[in-house]
PDB file of all heavy atoms in Angstrom:
ATOM      1  N   ALA A   1      25.599  49.675  -1.258  1.00  0.00           N
ATOM      2  CA  ALA A   1      26.201  50.671  -0.370  1.00  0.00           C
ATOM      3  C   ALA A   1      25.197  51.765  -0.009  1.00  0.00           C
ATOM      4  O   ALA A   1      25.112  52.194   1.148  1.00  0.00           O
ATOM      5  CB  ALA A   1      27.437  51.286  -1.033  1.00  0.00           C
ATOM      6  N   VAL A   2      24.408  52.210  -0.975  1.00  0.00           N
ATOM      7  CA  VAL A   2      23.402  53.247  -0.717  1.00  0.00           C
ATOM      8  C   VAL A   2      22.318  52.707   0.214  1.00  0.00           C
ATOM      9  O   VAL A   2      21.872  53.391   1.146  1.00  0.00           O
ATOM     10  CB  VAL A   2      22.778  53.748  -2.037  1.00  0.00           C
ATOM     11  CG1 VAL A   2      21.630  54.717  -1.752  1.00  0.00           C
ATOM     12  CG2 VAL A   2      23.835  54.414  -2.906  1.00  0.00           C
ATOM     13  N   VAL A   3      21.895  51.462  -0.023  1.00  0.00           N
ATOM     14  CA  VAL A   3      20.887  50.843   0.848  1.00  0.00           C
ATOM     15  C   VAL A   3      21.418  50.713   2.270  1.00  0.00           C
ATOM     16  O   VAL A   3      20.705  50.987   3.247  1.00  0.00           O
ATOM     17  CB  VAL A   3      20.484  49.461   0.291  1.00  0.00           C
ATOM     18  CG1 VAL A   3      19.672  48.673   1.320  1.00  0.00           C
ATOM     19  CG2 VAL A   3      19.663  49.629  -0.981  1.00  0.00           C
ATOM     20  N   LEU A   4      22.681  50.305   2.412  1.00  0.00           N
ATOM     21  CA  LEU A   4      23.290  50.189   3.740  1.00  0.00           C
ATOM     22  C   LEU A   4      23.366  51.555   4.412  1.00  0.00           C
ATOM     23  O   LEU A   4      23.074  51.678   5.618  1.00  0.00           O
ATOM     24  CB  LEU A   4      24.683  49.576   3.626  1.00  0.00           C
ATOM     25  CG  LEU A   4      25.474  49.426   4.936  1.00  0.00           C
ATOM     26  CD1 LEU A   4      24.715  48.530   5.920  1.00  0.00           C
ATOM     27  CD2 LEU A   4      26.859  48.856   4.673  1.00  0.00           C
ATOM     28  N   LEU A   5      23.743  52.587   3.659  1.00  0.00           N
ATOM     29  CA  LEU A   5      23.811  53.945   4.207  1.00  0.00           C
ATOM     30  C   LEU A   5      22.436  54.389   4.702  1.00  0.00           C
ATOM     31  O   LEU A   5      22.318  54.963   5.801  1.00  0.00           O
ATOM     32  CB  LEU A   5      24.329  54.913   3.146  1.00  0.00           C
ATOM     33  CG  LEU A   5      24.337  56.403   3.510  1.00  0.00           C
ATOM     34  CD1 LEU A   5      25.258  56.654   4.700  1.00  0.00           C
ATOM     35  CD2 LEU A   5      24.781  57.236   2.311  1.00  0.00           C
ATOM     36  N   CYS A   6      21.407  54.125   3.939  1.00  0.00           N
ATOM     37  CA  CYS A   6      20.043  54.493   4.331  1.00  0.00           C
ATOM     38  C   CYS A   6      19.608  53.716   5.578  1.00  0.00           C
ATOM     39  O   CYS A   6      18.986  54.277   6.489  1.00  0.00           O
ATOM     40  CB  CYS A   6      19.069  54.241   3.195  1.00  0.00           C
ATOM     41  SG  CYS A   6      19.298  55.318   1.767  1.00  0.00           S
ATOM     42  N   ALA A   7      19.926  52.419   5.617  1.00  0.00           N
ATOM     43  CA  ALA A   7      19.556  51.600   6.765  1.00  0.00           C
ATOM     44  C   ALA A   7      20.253  52.075   8.037  1.00  0.00           C
ATOM     45  O   ALA A   7      19.644  52.148   9.117  1.00  0.00           O
ATOM     46  CB  ALA A   7      19.900  50.134   6.493  1.00  0.00           C
ATOM     47  N   LEU A   8      21.547  52.418   7.927  1.00  0.00           N
ATOM     48  CA  LEU A   8      22.281  52.936   9.083  1.00  0.00           C
ATOM     49  C   LEU A   8      21.727  54.289   9.522  1.00  0.00           C
ATOM     50  O   LEU A   8      21.642  54.571  10.724  1.00  0.00           O
ATOM     51  CB  LEU A   8      23.765  53.055   8.749  1.00  0.00           C
ATOM     52  CG  LEU A   8      24.542  51.739   8.655  1.00  0.00           C
ATOM     53  CD1 LEU A   8      25.964  51.981   8.185  1.00  0.00           C
ATOM     54  CD2 LEU A   8      24.546  51.027  10.002  1.00  0.00           C
ATOM     55  N   THR A   9      21.336  55.111   8.568  1.00  0.00           N
ATOM     56  CA  THR A   9      20.741  56.411   8.902  1.00  0.00           C
ATOM     57  C   THR A   9      19.455  56.212   9.701  1.00  0.00           C
ATOM     58  O   THR A   9      19.227  56.887  10.718  1.00  0.00           O
ATOM     59  CB  THR A   9      20.442  57.213   7.620  1.00  0.00           C
ATOM     60  OG1 THR A   9      21.668  57.429   6.912  1.00  0.00           O
ATOM     61  CG2 THR A   9      19.803  58.551   7.955  1.00  0.00           C
ATOM     62  N   LEU A  10      18.621  55.287   9.260  1.00  0.00           N
ATOM     63  CA  LEU A  10      17.373  55.008   9.981  1.00  0.00           C
ATOM     64  C   LEU A  10      17.660  54.464  11.382  1.00  0.00           C
ATOM     65  O   LEU A  10      16.965  54.814  12.348  1.00  0.00           O
ATOM     66  CB  LEU A  10      16.534  54.011   9.187  1.00  0.00           C
ATOM     67  CG  LEU A  10      15.934  54.540   7.871  1.00  0.00           C
ATOM     68  CD1 LEU A  10      15.326  53.402   7.060  1.00  0.00           C
ATOM     69  CD2 LEU A  10      14.884  55.613   8.155  1.00  0.00           C
ATOM     70  N   LEU A  11      18.684  53.611  11.498  1.00  0.00           N
ATOM     71  CA  LEU A  11      19.055  53.084  12.816  1.00  0.00           C
ATOM     72  C   LEU A  11      19.516  54.200  13.742  1.00  0.00           C
ATOM     73  O   LEU A  11      19.055  54.296  14.898  1.00  0.00           O
ATOM     74  CB  LEU A  11      20.153  52.032  12.664  1.00  0.00           C
ATOM     75  CG  LEU A  11      20.782  51.524  13.975  1.00  0.00           C
ATOM     76  CD1 LEU A  11      19.764  50.732  14.786  1.00  0.00           C
ATOM     77  CD2 LEU A  11      22.017  50.664  13.703  1.00  0.00           C
ATOM     78  N   LEU A  12      20.384  55.067  13.255  1.00  0.00           N
ATOM     79  CA  LEU A  12      20.933  56.128  14.096  1.00  0.00           C
ATOM     80  C   LEU A  12      19.887  57.170  14.466  1.00  0.00           C
ATOM     81  O   LEU A  12      19.962  57.780  15.536  1.00  0.00           O
ATOM     82  CB  LEU A  12      22.121  56.795  13.393  1.00  0.00           C
ATOM     83  CG  LEU A  12      23.311  55.886  13.053  1.00  0.00           C
ATOM     84  CD1 LEU A  12      24.454  56.694  12.474  1.00  0.00           C
ATOM     85  CD2 LEU A  12      23.773  55.099  14.264  1.00  0.00           C
ATOM     86  N   LEU A  13      18.909  57.357  13.600  1.00  0.00           N
ATOM     87  CA  LEU A  13      17.842  58.319  13.899  1.00  0.00           C
ATOM     88  C   LEU A  13      17.015  57.893  15.107  1.00  0.00           C
ATOM     89  O   LEU A  13      16.383  58.738  15.753  1.00  0.00           O
ATOM     90  CB  LEU A  13      16.931  58.492  12.682  1.00  0.00           C
ATOM     91  CG  LEU A  13      17.447  59.418  11.581  1.00  0.00           C
ATOM     92  CD1 LEU A  13      16.544  59.357  10.356  1.00  0.00           C
ATOM     93  CD2 LEU A  13      17.569  60.859  12.090  1.00  0.00           C
ATOM     94  N   LEU A  14      17.011  56.604  15.417  1.00  0.00           N
ATOM     95  CA  LEU A  14      16.286  56.134  16.601  1.00  0.00           C
ATOM     96  C   LEU A  14      16.868  56.714  17.887  1.00  0.00           C
ATOM     97  O   LEU A  14      16.174  56.789  18.908  1.00  0.00           O
ATOM     98  CB  LEU A  14      16.332  54.600  16.670  1.00  0.00           C
ATOM     99  CG  LEU A  14      15.636  53.835  15.539  1.00  0.00           C
ATOM    100  CD1 LEU A  14      15.862  52.332  15.704  1.00  0.00           C
ATOM    101  CD2 LEU A  14      14.141  54.143  15.524  1.00  0.00           C
ATOM    102  N   PHE A  15      18.144  57.124  17.825  1.00  0.00           N
ATOM    103  CA  PHE A  15      18.814  57.647  19.024  1.00  0.00           C
ATOM    104  C   PHE A  15      19.141  59.141  18.906  1.00  0.00           C
ATOM    105  O   PHE A  15      19.886  59.666  19.729  1.00  0.00           O
ATOM    106  CB  PHE A  15      20.118  56.872  19.269  1.00  0.00           C
ATOM    107  CG  PHE A  15      19.938  55.387  19.271  1.00  0.00           C
ATOM    108  CD1 PHE A  15      20.235  54.640  18.142  1.00  0.00           C
ATOM    109  CD2 PHE A  15      19.463  54.727  20.389  1.00  0.00           C
ATOM    110  CE1 PHE A  15      20.079  53.264  18.135  1.00  0.00           C
ATOM    111  CE2 PHE A  15      19.302  53.353  20.388  1.00  0.00           C
ATOM    112  CZ  PHE A  15      19.608  52.614  19.260  1.00  0.00           C
ATOM    113  N   SER A  16      18.598  59.797  17.870  1.00  0.00           N
ATOM    114  CA  SER A  16      19.026  61.176  17.580  1.00  0.00           C
ATOM    115  C   SER A  16      18.290  62.215  18.411  1.00  0.00           C
ATOM    116  O   SER A  16      17.813  63.224  17.902  1.00  0.00           O
ATOM    117  CB  SER A  16      18.822  61.467  16.085  1.00  0.00           C
ATOM    118  OG  SER A  16      17.447  61.377  15.750  1.00  0.00           O
ATOM    119  N   PHE A  17      18.217  61.966  19.707  1.00  0.00           N
ATOM    120  CA  PHE A  17      17.646  62.936  20.630  1.00  0.00           C
ATOM    121  C   PHE A  17      18.782  63.577  21.415  1.00  0.00           C
ATOM    122  O   PHE A  17      19.845  62.976  21.598  1.00  0.00           O
ATOM    123  CB  PHE A  17      16.645  62.263  21.566  1.00  0.00           C
ATOM    124  CG  PHE A  17      15.502  61.605  20.827  1.00  0.00           C
ATOM    125  CD1 PHE A  17      15.564  60.258  20.486  1.00  0.00           C
ATOM    126  CD2 PHE A  17      14.393  62.339  20.458  1.00  0.00           C
ATOM    127  CE1 PHE A  17      14.528  59.648  19.803  1.00  0.00           C
ATOM    128  CE2 PHE A  17      13.342  61.731  19.766  1.00  0.00           C
ATOM    129  CZ  PHE A  17      13.417  60.394  19.436  1.00  0.00           C
ATOM    130  N   ARG A  18      18.555  64.749  21.884  1.00  0.00           N
ATOM    131  CA  ARG A  18      19.625  65.571  22.444  1.00  0.00           C
ATOM    132  C   ARG A  18      20.421  64.837  23.540  1.00  0.00           C
ATOM    133  O   ARG A  18      21.644  64.915  23.591  1.00  0.00           O
ATOM    134  CB  ARG A  18      19.038  66.869  22.987  1.00  0.00           C
ATOM    135  CG  ARG A  18      20.098  67.874  23.419  1.00  0.00           C
ATOM    136  CD  ARG A  18      19.496  69.220  23.736  1.00  0.00           C
ATOM    137  NE  ARG A  18      20.524  70.198  24.065  1.00  0.00           N
ATOM    138  CZ  ARG A  18      21.205  70.892  23.173  1.00  0.00           C
ATOM    139  NH1 ARG A  18      20.965  70.708  21.893  1.00  0.00           N
ATOM    140  NH2 ARG A  18      22.119  71.762  23.534  1.00  0.00           N
ATOM    141  N   ARG A  19      19.736  64.102  24.408  1.00  0.00           N
ATOM    142  CA  ARG A  19      20.418  63.464  25.535  1.00  0.00           C
ATOM    143  C   ARG A  19      20.949  62.064  25.207  1.00  0.00           C
ATOM    144  O   ARG A  19      21.744  61.514  25.965  1.00  0.00           O
ATOM    145  CB  ARG A  19      19.471  63.375  26.727  1.00  0.00           C
ATOM    146  CG  ARG A  19      19.099  64.737  27.315  1.00  0.00           C
ATOM    147  CD  ARG A  19      18.256  64.567  28.563  1.00  0.00           C
ATOM    148  NE  ARG A  19      17.930  65.854  29.172  1.00  0.00           N
ATOM    149  CZ  ARG A  19      17.211  66.007  30.285  1.00  0.00           C
ATOM    150  NH1 ARG A  19      16.737  64.918  30.884  1.00  0.00           N
ATOM    151  NH2 ARG A  19      16.958  67.211  30.759  1.00  0.00           N
ATOM    152  N   THR A  20      20.498  61.499  24.115  1.00  0.00           N
ATOM    153  CA  THR A  20      20.900  60.113  23.818  1.00  0.00           C
ATOM    154  C   THR A  20      21.837  59.980  22.629  1.00  0.00           C
ATOM    155  O   THR A  20      22.523  58.960  22.505  1.00  0.00           O
ATOM    156  CB  THR A  20      19.652  59.252  23.537  1.00  0.00           C
ATOM    157  OG1 THR A  20      18.927  59.800  22.416  1.00  0.00           O
ATOM    158  CG2 THR A  20      18.738  59.209  24.761  1.00  0.00           C
ATOM    159  N   ILE A  21      21.875  60.969  21.760  1.00  0.00           N
ATOM    160  CA  ILE A  21      22.599  60.801  20.504  1.00  0.00           C
ATOM    161  C   ILE A  21      24.093  60.571  20.720  1.00  0.00           C
ATOM    162  O   ILE A  21      24.695  59.688  20.085  1.00  0.00           O
ATOM    163  CB  ILE A  21      22.349  62.000  19.556  1.00  0.00           C
ATOM    164  CG1 ILE A  21      23.013  61.729  18.202  1.00  0.00           C
ATOM    165  CG2 ILE A  21      22.808  63.324  20.172  1.00  0.00           C
ATOM    166  CD1 ILE A  21      22.621  62.723  17.134  1.00  0.00           C
ATOM    167  N   LYS A  22      24.704  61.334  21.620  1.00  0.00           N
ATOM    168  CA  LYS A  22      26.148  61.187  21.814  1.00  0.00           C
ATOM    169  C   LYS A  22      26.525  59.835  22.425  1.00  0.00           C
ATOM    170  O   LYS A  22      27.359  59.105  21.861  1.00  0.00           O
ATOM    171  CB  LYS A  22      26.683  62.342  22.653  1.00  0.00           C
ATOM    172  CG  LYS A  22      26.791  63.658  21.902  1.00  0.00           C
ATOM    173  CD  LYS A  22      27.492  64.701  22.748  1.00  0.00           C
ATOM    174  CE  LYS A  22      27.671  66.005  21.992  1.00  0.00           C
ATOM    175  NZ  LYS A  22      28.403  67.018  22.783  1.00  0.00           N
ATOM    176  N   PRO A  23      25.955  59.451  23.578  1.00  0.00           N
ATOM    177  CA  PRO A  23      26.337  58.140  24.144  1.00  0.00           C
ATOM    178  C   PRO A  23      25.991  56.972  23.230  1.00  0.00           C
ATOM    179  O   PRO A  23      26.737  55.995  23.154  1.00  0.00           O
ATOM    180  CB  PRO A  23      25.552  58.072  25.471  1.00  0.00           C
ATOM    181  CG  PRO A  23      24.508  59.123  25.376  1.00  0.00           C
ATOM    182  CD  PRO A  23      25.050  60.187  24.487  1.00  0.00           C
ATOM    183  N   ALA A  24      24.857  57.072  22.507  1.00  0.00           N
ATOM    184  CA  ALA A  24      24.471  55.991  21.599  1.00  0.00           C
ATOM    185  C   ALA A  24      25.461  55.862  20.448  1.00  0.00           C
ATOM    186  O   ALA A  24      25.887  54.746  20.104  1.00  0.00           O
ATOM    187  CB  ALA A  24      23.063  56.239  21.061  1.00  0.00           C
ATOM    188  N   LEU A  25      25.847  56.980  19.847  1.00  0.00           N
ATOM    189  CA  LEU A  25      26.799  56.942  18.741  1.00  0.00           C
ATOM    190  C   LEU A  25      28.169  56.457  19.204  1.00  0.00           C
ATOM    191  O   LEU A  25      28.830  55.672  18.513  1.00  0.00           O
ATOM    192  CB  LEU A  25      26.924  58.321  18.100  1.00  0.00           C
ATOM    193  CG  LEU A  25      25.747  58.784  17.236  1.00  0.00           C
ATOM    194  CD1 LEU A  25      25.989  60.197  16.719  1.00  0.00           C
ATOM    195  CD2 LEU A  25      25.519  57.830  16.072  1.00  0.00           C
ATOM    196  N   MET A  26      28.593  56.902  20.378  1.00  0.00           N
ATOM    197  CA  MET A  26      29.895  56.473  20.896  1.00  0.00           C
ATOM    198  C   MET A  26      29.919  54.965  21.123  1.00  0.00           C
ATOM    199  O   MET A  26      30.893  54.284  20.778  1.00  0.00           O
ATOM    200  CB  MET A  26      30.199  57.228  22.191  1.00  0.00           C
ATOM    201  CG  MET A  26      30.457  58.726  21.977  1.00  0.00           C
ATOM    202  SD  MET A  26      30.433  59.699  23.510  1.00  0.00           S
ATOM    203  CE  MET A  26      31.894  59.048  24.325  1.00  0.00           C
ATOM    204  N   LEU A  27      28.840  54.421  21.678  1.00  0.00           N
ATOM    205  CA  LEU A  27      28.753  52.986  21.901  1.00  0.00           C
ATOM    206  C   LEU A  27      28.747  52.232  20.574  1.00  0.00           C
ATOM    207  O   LEU A  27      29.448  51.221  20.417  1.00  0.00           O
ATOM    208  CB  LEU A  27      27.493  52.659  22.698  1.00  0.00           C
ATOM    209  CG  LEU A  27      27.232  51.172  22.984  1.00  0.00           C
ATOM    210  CD1 LEU A  27      28.373  50.575  23.795  1.00  0.00           C
ATOM    211  CD2 LEU A  27      25.900  50.993  23.718  1.00  0.00           C
TER     212      LEU A  27
END
């Protein structure tokens, strides 16, 4: 579970820019 949480965090960080984070997370 911790490894999965870390992997998802790394995935989401790829889109964590001001203009992309919201639409990317919603999708």
